[in-house]
Amino acid sequence: VAAFAVGILVWGLILWAMVAYRKRNDELPKQT
């Protein structure tokens, strides 16, 4: 149960990052 909970959280963050920070143009993103 703990493994699935961690997995779902990680998968969710990965999918969120893919959508929220997808490439929108050729401008170089801010480097942190």
PDB file of all heavy atoms in Angstrom:
ATOM      1  N   VAL A   1       0.838  -1.200   0.000  1.00  0.00           N
ATOM      2  CA  VAL A   1       0.000   0.000   0.000  1.00  0.00           C
ATOM      3  C   VAL A   1       0.874   1.251   0.000  1.00  0.00           C
ATOM      4  O   VAL A   1       0.621   2.215  -0.749  1.00  0.00           O
ATOM      5  CB  VAL A   1      -0.950  -0.012   1.210  1.00  0.00           C
ATOM      6  CG1 VAL A   1      -1.656   1.327   1.349  1.00  0.00           C
ATOM      7  CG2 VAL A   1      -1.983  -1.131   1.083  1.00  0.00           C
ATOM      8  N   ALA A   2       1.916   1.248   0.836  1.00  0.00           N
ATOM      9  CA  ALA A   2       2.829   2.396   0.881  1.00  0.00           C
ATOM     10  C   ALA A   2       3.546   2.575  -0.458  1.00  0.00           C
ATOM     11  O   ALA A   2       3.727   3.705  -0.936  1.00  0.00           O
ATOM     12  CB  ALA A   2       3.843   2.207   2.004  1.00  0.00           C
ATOM     13  N   ALA A   3       3.961   1.454  -1.070  1.00  0.00           N
ATOM     14  CA  ALA A   3       4.657   1.529  -2.354  1.00  0.00           C
ATOM     15  C   ALA A   3       3.757   2.108  -3.437  1.00  0.00           C
ATOM     16  O   ALA A   3       4.189   2.951  -4.244  1.00  0.00           O
ATOM     17  CB  ALA A   3       5.153   0.142  -2.767  1.00  0.00           C
ATOM     18  N   PHE A   4       2.485   1.671  -3.447  1.00  0.00           N
ATOM     19  CA  PHE A   4       1.559   2.216  -4.440  1.00  0.00           C
ATOM     20  C   PHE A   4       1.291   3.700  -4.190  1.00  0.00           C
ATOM     21  O   PHE A   4       1.174   4.490  -5.134  1.00  0.00           O
ATOM     22  CB  PHE A   4       0.242   1.438  -4.433  1.00  0.00           C
ATOM     23  CG  PHE A   4       0.285   0.176  -5.238  1.00  0.00           C
ATOM     24  CD1 PHE A   4       0.037  -1.051  -4.657  1.00  0.00           C
ATOM     25  CD2 PHE A   4       0.577   0.210  -6.599  1.00  0.00           C
ATOM     26  CE1 PHE A   4       0.080  -2.217  -5.397  1.00  0.00           C
ATOM     27  CE2 PHE A   4       0.619  -0.952  -7.356  1.00  0.00           C
ATOM     28  CZ  PHE A   4       0.367  -2.169  -6.758  1.00  0.00           C
ATOM     29  N   ALA A   5       1.184   4.096  -2.930  1.00  0.00           N
ATOM     30  CA  ALA A   5       0.942   5.503  -2.612  1.00  0.00           C
ATOM     31  C   ALA A   5       2.096   6.374  -3.099  1.00  0.00           C
ATOM     32  O   ALA A   5       1.883   7.428  -3.716  1.00  0.00           O
ATOM     33  CB  ALA A   5       0.743   5.669  -1.104  1.00  0.00           C
ATOM     34  N   VAL A   6       3.330   5.939  -2.822  1.00  0.00           N
ATOM     35  CA  VAL A   6       4.498   6.683  -3.288  1.00  0.00           C
ATOM     36  C   VAL A   6       4.550   6.690  -4.816  1.00  0.00           C
ATOM     37  O   VAL A   6       4.841   7.713  -5.449  1.00  0.00           O
ATOM     38  CB  VAL A   6       5.786   6.081  -2.696  1.00  0.00           C
ATOM     39  CG1 VAL A   6       7.021   6.720  -3.325  1.00  0.00           C
ATOM     40  CG2 VAL A   6       5.816   6.261  -1.181  1.00  0.00           C
ATOM     41  N   GLY A   7       4.257   5.540  -5.423  1.00  0.00           N
ATOM     42  CA  GLY A   7       4.280   5.450  -6.884  1.00  0.00           C
ATOM     43  C   GLY A   7       3.280   6.381  -7.538  1.00  0.00           C
ATOM     44  O   GLY A   7       3.597   7.065  -8.518  1.00  0.00           O
ATOM     45  N   ILE A   8       2.055   6.404  -6.999  1.00  0.00           N
ATOM     46  CA  ILE A   8       1.023   7.278  -7.568  1.00  0.00           C
ATOM     47  C   ILE A   8       1.430   8.744  -7.443  1.00  0.00           C
ATOM     48  O   ILE A   8       1.250   9.547  -8.361  1.00  0.00           O
ATOM     49  CB  ILE A   8      -0.324   7.011  -6.873  1.00  0.00           C
ATOM     50  CG1 ILE A   8      -0.845   5.625  -7.267  1.00  0.00           C
ATOM     51  CG2 ILE A   8      -1.339   8.093  -7.239  1.00  0.00           C
ATOM     52  CD1 ILE A   8      -2.060   5.181  -6.488  1.00  0.00           C
ATOM     53  N   LEU A   9       2.005   9.106  -6.285  1.00  0.00           N
ATOM     54  CA  LEU A   9       2.471  10.482  -6.095  1.00  0.00           C
ATOM     55  C   LEU A   9       3.551  10.839  -7.109  1.00  0.00           C
ATOM     56  O   LEU A   9       3.506  11.901  -7.751  1.00  0.00           O
ATOM     57  CB  LEU A   9       2.998  10.662  -4.673  1.00  0.00           C
ATOM     58  CG  LEU A   9       3.629  12.029  -4.361  1.00  0.00           C
ATOM     59  CD1 LEU A   9       2.600  13.137  -4.518  1.00  0.00           C
ATOM     60  CD2 LEU A   9       4.236  12.032  -2.957  1.00  0.00           C
ATOM     61  N   VAL A  10       4.526   9.952  -7.275  1.00  0.00           N
ATOM     62  CA  VAL A  10       5.632  10.223  -8.203  1.00  0.00           C
ATOM     63  C   VAL A  10       5.127  10.298  -9.640  1.00  0.00           C
ATOM     64  O   VAL A  10       5.485  11.206 -10.405  1.00  0.00           O
ATOM     65  CB  VAL A  10       6.729   9.150  -8.055  1.00  0.00           C
ATOM     66  CG1 VAL A  10       7.784   9.312  -9.152  1.00  0.00           C
ATOM     67  CG2 VAL A  10       7.377   9.245  -6.687  1.00  0.00           C
ATOM     68  N   TRP A  11       4.285   9.316 -10.023  1.00  0.00           N
ATOM     69  CA  TRP A  11       3.733   9.351 -11.384  1.00  0.00           C
ATOM     70  C   TRP A  11       2.927  10.633 -11.622  1.00  0.00           C
ATOM     71  O   TRP A  11       2.990  11.227 -12.688  1.00  0.00           O
ATOM     72  CB  TRP A  11       2.848   8.125 -11.625  1.00  0.00           C
ATOM     73  CG  TRP A  11       3.586   6.829 -11.521  1.00  0.00           C
ATOM     74  CD1 TRP A  11       4.897   6.598 -11.808  1.00  0.00           C
ATOM     75  CD2 TRP A  11       3.041   5.584 -11.081  1.00  0.00           C
ATOM     76  NE1 TRP A  11       5.220   5.284 -11.577  1.00  0.00           N
ATOM     77  CE2 TRP A  11       4.101   4.628 -11.136  1.00  0.00           C
ATOM     78  CE3 TRP A  11       1.799   5.165 -10.661  1.00  0.00           C
ATOM     79  CZ2 TRP A  11       3.922   3.305 -10.762  1.00  0.00           C
ATOM     80  CZ3 TRP A  11       1.602   3.829 -10.290  1.00  0.00           C
ATOM     81  CH2 TRP A  11       2.674   2.922 -10.348  1.00  0.00           C
ATOM     82  N   GLY A  12       2.168  11.030 -10.601  1.00  0.00           N
ATOM     83  CA  GLY A  12       1.381  12.253 -10.732  1.00  0.00           C
ATOM     84  C   GLY A  12       2.247  13.474 -10.929  1.00  0.00           C
ATOM     85  O   GLY A  12       1.956  14.332 -11.776  1.00  0.00           O
ATOM     86  N   LEU A  13       3.335  13.567 -10.151  1.00  0.00           N
ATOM     87  CA  LEU A  13       4.240  14.708 -10.290  1.00  0.00           C
ATOM     88  C   LEU A  13       4.930  14.709 -11.654  1.00  0.00           C
ATOM     89  O   LEU A  13       5.142  15.782 -12.259  1.00  0.00           O
ATOM     90  CB  LEU A  13       5.285  14.682  -9.173  1.00  0.00           C
ATOM     91  CG  LEU A  13       4.764  14.994  -7.763  1.00  0.00           C
ATOM     92  CD1 LEU A  13       5.864  14.771  -6.731  1.00  0.00           C
ATOM     93  CD2 LEU A  13       4.229  16.419  -7.692  1.00  0.00           C
ATOM     94  N   ILE A  14       5.287  13.521 -12.128  1.00  0.00           N
ATOM     95  CA  ILE A  14       5.930  13.435 -13.445  1.00  0.00           C
ATOM     96  C   ILE A  14       4.971  13.929 -14.532  1.00  0.00           C
ATOM     97  O   ILE A  14       5.342  14.728 -15.414  1.00  0.00           O
ATOM     98  CB  ILE A  14       6.378  11.983 -13.730  1.00  0.00           C
ATOM     99  CG1 ILE A  14       7.557  11.608 -12.826  1.00  0.00           C
ATOM    100  CG2 ILE A  14       6.763  11.830 -15.202  1.00  0.00           C
ATOM    101  CD1 ILE A  14       7.947  10.145 -12.932  1.00  0.00           C
ATOM    102  N   LEU A  15       3.720  13.454 -14.495  1.00  0.00           N
ATOM    103  CA  LEU A  15       2.739  13.867 -15.501  1.00  0.00           C
ATOM    104  C   LEU A  15       2.451  15.369 -15.404  1.00  0.00           C
ATOM    105  O   LEU A  15       2.318  16.058 -16.422  1.00  0.00           O
ATOM    106  CB  LEU A  15       1.457  13.057 -15.335  1.00  0.00           C
ATOM    107  CG  LEU A  15       1.565  11.562 -15.657  1.00  0.00           C
ATOM    108  CD1 LEU A  15       0.268  10.842 -15.304  1.00  0.00           C
ATOM    109  CD2 LEU A  15       1.913  11.356 -17.129  1.00  0.00           C
ATOM    110  N   TRP A  16       2.342  15.852 -14.151  1.00  0.00           N
ATOM    111  CA  TRP A  16       2.100  17.283 -13.958  1.00  0.00           C
ATOM    112  C   TRP A  16       3.248  18.111 -14.534  1.00  0.00           C
ATOM    113  O   TRP A  16       3.021  19.124 -15.214  1.00  0.00           O
ATOM    114  CB  TRP A  16       1.918  17.577 -12.471  1.00  0.00           C
ATOM    115  CG  TRP A  16       1.843  19.044 -12.171  1.00  0.00           C
ATOM    116  CD1 TRP A  16       0.780  19.878 -12.380  1.00  0.00           C
ATOM    117  CD2 TRP A  16       2.894  19.849 -11.626  1.00  0.00           C
ATOM    118  NE1 TRP A  16       1.093  21.164 -11.999  1.00  0.00           N
ATOM    119  CE2 TRP A  16       2.381  21.169 -11.530  1.00  0.00           C
ATOM    120  CE3 TRP A  16       4.195  19.597 -11.202  1.00  0.00           C
ATOM    121  CZ2 TRP A  16       3.154  22.225 -11.030  1.00  0.00           C
ATOM    122  CZ3 TRP A  16       4.952  20.638 -10.704  1.00  0.00           C
ATOM    123  CH2 TRP A  16       4.431  21.943 -10.620  1.00  0.00           C
ATOM    124  N   ALA A  17       4.502  17.701 -14.269  1.00  0.00           N
ATOM    125  CA  ALA A  17       5.657  18.429 -14.784  1.00  0.00           C
ATOM    126  C   ALA A  17       5.702  18.385 -16.312  1.00  0.00           C
ATOM    127  O   ALA A  17       6.076  19.377 -16.961  1.00  0.00           O
ATOM    128  CB  ALA A  17       6.947  17.846 -14.200  1.00  0.00           C
ATOM    129  N   MET A  18       5.301  17.241 -16.892  1.00  0.00           N
ATOM    130  CA  MET A  18       5.293  17.129 -18.353  1.00  0.00           C
ATOM    131  C   MET A  18       4.322  18.116 -18.988  1.00  0.00           C
ATOM    132  O   MET A  18       4.591  18.693 -20.038  1.00  0.00           O
ATOM    133  CB  MET A  18       4.926  15.701 -18.761  1.00  0.00           C
ATOM    134  CG  MET A  18       5.997  14.670 -18.453  1.00  0.00           C
ATOM    135  SD  MET A  18       5.402  12.983 -18.705  1.00  0.00           S
ATOM    136  CE  MET A  18       4.963  13.036 -20.438  1.00  0.00           C
ATOM    137  N   VAL A  19       3.180  18.314 -18.303  1.00  0.00           N
ATOM    138  CA  VAL A  19       2.165  19.219 -18.861  1.00  0.00           C
ATOM    139  C   VAL A  19       2.488  20.674 -18.525  1.00  0.00           C
ATOM    140  O   VAL A  19       2.469  21.557 -19.392  1.00  0.00           O
ATOM    141  CB  VAL A  19       0.770  18.835 -18.330  1.00  0.00           C
ATOM    142  CG1 VAL A  19      -0.272  19.872 -18.771  1.00  0.00           C
ATOM    143  CG2 VAL A  19       0.386  17.446 -18.807  1.00  0.00           C
ATOM    144  N   ALA A  20       2.793  20.929 -17.250  1.00  0.00           N
ATOM    145  CA  ALA A  20       2.985  22.312 -16.805  1.00  0.00           C
ATOM    146  C   ALA A  20       4.239  22.952 -17.401  1.00  0.00           C
ATOM    147  O   ALA A  20       4.262  24.170 -17.645  1.00  0.00           O
ATOM    148  CB  ALA A  20       3.047  22.361 -15.282  1.00  0.00           C
ATOM    149  N   TYR A  21       5.271  22.152 -17.625  1.00  0.00           N
ATOM    150  CA  TYR A  21       6.539  22.709 -18.083  1.00  0.00           C
ATOM    151  C   TYR A  21       6.918  22.212 -19.478  1.00  0.00           C
ATOM    152  O   TYR A  21       8.098  22.140 -19.820  1.00  0.00           O
ATOM    153  CB  TYR A  21       7.647  22.383 -17.084  1.00  0.00           C
ATOM    154  CG  TYR A  21       7.384  22.964 -15.722  1.00  0.00           C
ATOM    155  CD1 TYR A  21       6.943  22.149 -14.672  1.00  0.00           C
ATOM    156  CD2 TYR A  21       7.554  24.323 -15.480  1.00  0.00           C
ATOM    157  CE1 TYR A  21       6.685  22.684 -13.423  1.00  0.00           C
ATOM    158  CE2 TYR A  21       7.298  24.866 -14.234  1.00  0.00           C
ATOM    159  CZ  TYR A  21       6.860  24.047 -13.206  1.00  0.00           C
ATOM    160  OH  TYR A  21       6.597  24.585 -11.975  1.00  0.00           O
ATOM    161  N   ARG A  22       5.908  21.902 -20.257  1.00  0.00           N
ATOM    162  CA  ARG A  22       6.193  21.467 -21.628  1.00  0.00           C
ATOM    163  C   ARG A  22       6.743  22.638 -22.446  1.00  0.00           C
ATOM    164  O   ARG A  22       6.513  23.812 -22.110  1.00  0.00           O
ATOM    165  CB  ARG A  22       4.939  20.907 -22.285  1.00  0.00           C
ATOM    166  CG  ARG A  22       3.874  21.956 -22.544  1.00  0.00           C
ATOM    167  CD  ARG A  22       2.582  21.296 -23.018  1.00  0.00           C
ATOM    168  NE  ARG A  22       1.574  22.294 -23.390  1.00  0.00           N
ATOM    169  CZ  ARG A  22       0.785  22.911 -22.518  1.00  0.00           C
ATOM    170  NH1 ARG A  22       0.915  22.670 -21.208  1.00  0.00           N
ATOM    171  NH2 ARG A  22      -0.109  23.785 -22.938  1.00  0.00           N
ATOM    172  N   LYS A  23       7.442  22.311 -23.476  1.00  0.00           N
ATOM    173  CA  LYS A  23       8.032  23.347 -24.323  1.00  0.00           C
ATOM    174  C   LYS A  23       6.936  24.103 -25.066  1.00  0.00           C
ATOM    175  O   LYS A  23       6.100  23.500 -25.747  1.00  0.00           O
ATOM    176  CB  LYS A  23       8.996  22.710 -25.316  1.00  0.00           C
ATOM    177  CG  LYS A  23       9.697  23.722 -26.213  1.00  0.00           C
ATOM    178  CD  LYS A  23      10.689  23.034 -27.142  1.00  0.00           C
ATOM    179  CE  LYS A  23      11.363  24.063 -28.050  1.00  0.00           C
ATOM    180  NZ  LYS A  23      12.330  23.429 -28.980  1.00  0.00           N
ATOM    181  N   ARG A  24       6.952  25.425 -24.933  1.00  0.00           N
ATOM    182  CA  ARG A  24       5.944  26.249 -25.587  1.00  0.00           C
ATOM    183  C   ARG A  24       6.529  27.086 -26.742  1.00  0.00           C
ATOM    184  O   ARG A  24       5.810  27.489 -27.649  1.00  0.00           O
ATOM    185  CB  ARG A  24       5.296  27.176 -24.564  1.00  0.00           C
ATOM    186  CG  ARG A  24       4.453  26.429 -23.524  1.00  0.00           C
ATOM    187  CD  ARG A  24       3.809  27.404 -22.544  1.00  0.00           C
ATOM    188  NE  ARG A  24       2.857  26.760 -21.671  1.00  0.00           N
ATOM    189  CZ  ARG A  24       3.169  26.142 -20.536  1.00  0.00           C
ATOM    190  NH1 ARG A  24       4.432  26.091 -20.158  1.00  0.00           N
ATOM    191  NH2 ARG A  24       2.241  25.571 -19.794  1.00  0.00           N
ATOM    192  N   ASN A  25       7.808  27.361 -26.638  1.00  0.00           N
ATOM    193  CA  ASN A  25       8.455  28.138 -27.706  1.00  0.00           C
ATOM    194  C   ASN A  25       9.955  27.845 -27.659  1.00  0.00           C
ATOM    195  O   ASN A  25      10.400  26.967 -26.909  1.00  0.00           O
ATOM    196  CB  ASN A  25       8.178  29.638 -27.541  1.00  0.00           C
ATOM    197  CG  ASN A  25       8.471  30.119 -26.127  1.00  0.00           C
ATOM    198  OD1 ASN A  25       9.564  29.874 -25.607  1.00  0.00           O
ATOM    199  ND2 ASN A  25       7.497  30.784 -25.488  1.00  0.00           N
ATOM    200  N   ASP A  26      10.717  28.585 -28.468  1.00  0.00           N
ATOM    201  CA  ASP A  26      12.162  28.364 -28.538  1.00  0.00           C
ATOM    202  C   ASP A  26      12.941  29.185 -27.524  1.00  0.00           C
ATOM    203  O   ASP A  26      14.179  29.151 -27.506  1.00  0.00           O
ATOM    204  CB  ASP A  26      12.669  28.693 -29.946  1.00  0.00           C
ATOM    205  CG  ASP A  26      12.116  27.723 -30.974  1.00  0.00           C
ATOM    206  OD1 ASP A  26      11.845  26.549 -30.577  1.00  0.00           O
ATOM    207  OD2 ASP A  26      11.953  28.119 -32.137  1.00  0.00           O
ATOM    208  N   GLU A  27      12.249  29.917 -26.665  1.00  0.00           N
ATOM    209  CA  GLU A  27      12.927  30.733 -25.660  1.00  0.00           C
ATOM    210  C   GLU A  27      13.539  29.837 -24.580  1.00  0.00           C
ATOM    211  O   GLU A  27      12.894  28.892 -24.101  1.00  0.00           O
ATOM    212  CB  GLU A  27      11.946  31.702 -25.021  1.00  0.00           C
ATOM    213  CG  GLU A  27      12.595  32.648 -24.014  1.00  0.00           C
ATOM    214  CD  GLU A  27      11.589  33.612 -23.412  1.00  0.00           C
ATOM    215  OE1 GLU A  27      10.470  33.697 -23.966  1.00  0.00           O
ATOM    216  OE2 GLU A  27      11.908  34.265 -22.397  1.00  0.00           O
ATOM    217  N   LEU A  28      14.768  30.110 -24.205  1.00  0.00           N
ATOM    218  CA  LEU A  28      15.452  29.321 -23.177  1.00  0.00           C
ATOM    219  C   LEU A  28      14.815  29.588 -21.814  1.00  0.00           C
ATOM    220  O   LEU A  28      14.692  30.742 -21.403  1.00  0.00           O
ATOM    221  CB  LEU A  28      16.947  29.673 -23.141  1.00  0.00           C
ATOM    222  CG  LEU A  28      17.796  28.837 -22.183  1.00  0.00           C
ATOM    223  CD1 LEU A  28      17.860  27.383 -22.648  1.00  0.00           C
ATOM    224  CD2 LEU A  28      19.210  29.430 -22.077  1.00  0.00           C
ATOM    225  N   PRO A  29      14.387  28.568 -21.110  1.00  0.00           N
ATOM    226  CA  PRO A  29      13.773  28.779 -19.795  1.00  0.00           C
ATOM    227  C   PRO A  29      14.765  29.373 -18.801  1.00  0.00           C
ATOM    228  O   PRO A  29      15.987  29.279 -18.971  1.00  0.00           O
ATOM    229  CB  PRO A  29      13.371  27.361 -19.366  1.00  0.00           C
ATOM    230  CG  PRO A  29      13.365  26.559 -20.607  1.00  0.00           C
ATOM    231  CD  PRO A  29      14.406  27.164 -21.502  1.00  0.00           C
ATOM    232  N   LYS A  30      14.237  29.972 -17.753  1.00  0.00           N
ATOM    233  CA  LYS A  30      15.072  30.515 -16.699  1.00  0.00           C
ATOM    234  C   LYS A  30      15.877  29.390 -16.059  1.00  0.00           C
ATOM    235  O   LYS A  30      15.335  28.348 -15.693  1.00  0.00           O
ATOM    236  CB  LYS A  30      14.190  31.196 -15.652  1.00  0.00           C
ATOM    237  CG  LYS A  30      14.985  31.772 -14.493  1.00  0.00           C
ATOM    238  CD  LYS A  30      14.043  32.382 -13.447  1.00  0.00           C
ATOM    239  CE  LYS A  30      14.860  32.911 -12.264  1.00  0.00           C
ATOM    240  NZ  LYS A  30      13.971  33.474 -11.198  1.00  0.00           N
ATOM    241  N   GLN A  31      17.184  29.606 -15.928  1.00  0.00           N
ATOM    242  CA  GLN A  31      18.068  28.584 -15.373  1.00  0.00           C
ATOM    243  C   GLN A  31      18.187  28.759 -13.849  1.00  0.00           C
ATOM    244  O   GLN A  31      18.503  29.858 -13.368  1.00  0.00           O
ATOM    245  CB  GLN A  31      19.449  28.678 -16.013  1.00  0.00           C
ATOM    246  CG  GLN A  31      19.439  28.530 -17.523  1.00  0.00           C
ATOM    247  CD  GLN A  31      18.859  27.190 -17.968  1.00  0.00           C
ATOM    248  OE1 GLN A  31      19.446  26.156 -17.682  1.00  0.00           O
ATOM    249  NE2 GLN A  31      17.721  27.214 -18.646  1.00  0.00           N
ATOM    250  N   THR A  32      17.908  27.692 -13.119  1.00  0.00           N
ATOM    251  CA  THR A  32      17.954  27.718 -11.659  1.00  0.00           C
ATOM    252  C   THR A  32      19.055  26.798 -11.176  1.00  0.00           C
ATOM    253  O   THR A  32      19.068  25.606 -11.518  1.00  0.00           O
ATOM    254  CB  THR A  32      16.607  27.277 -11.054  1.00  0.00           C
ATOM    255  OG1 THR A  32      15.585  28.136 -11.568  1.00  0.00           O
ATOM    256  CG2 THR A  32      16.627  27.363  -9.540  1.00  0.00           C
TER     257      THR A  32
END
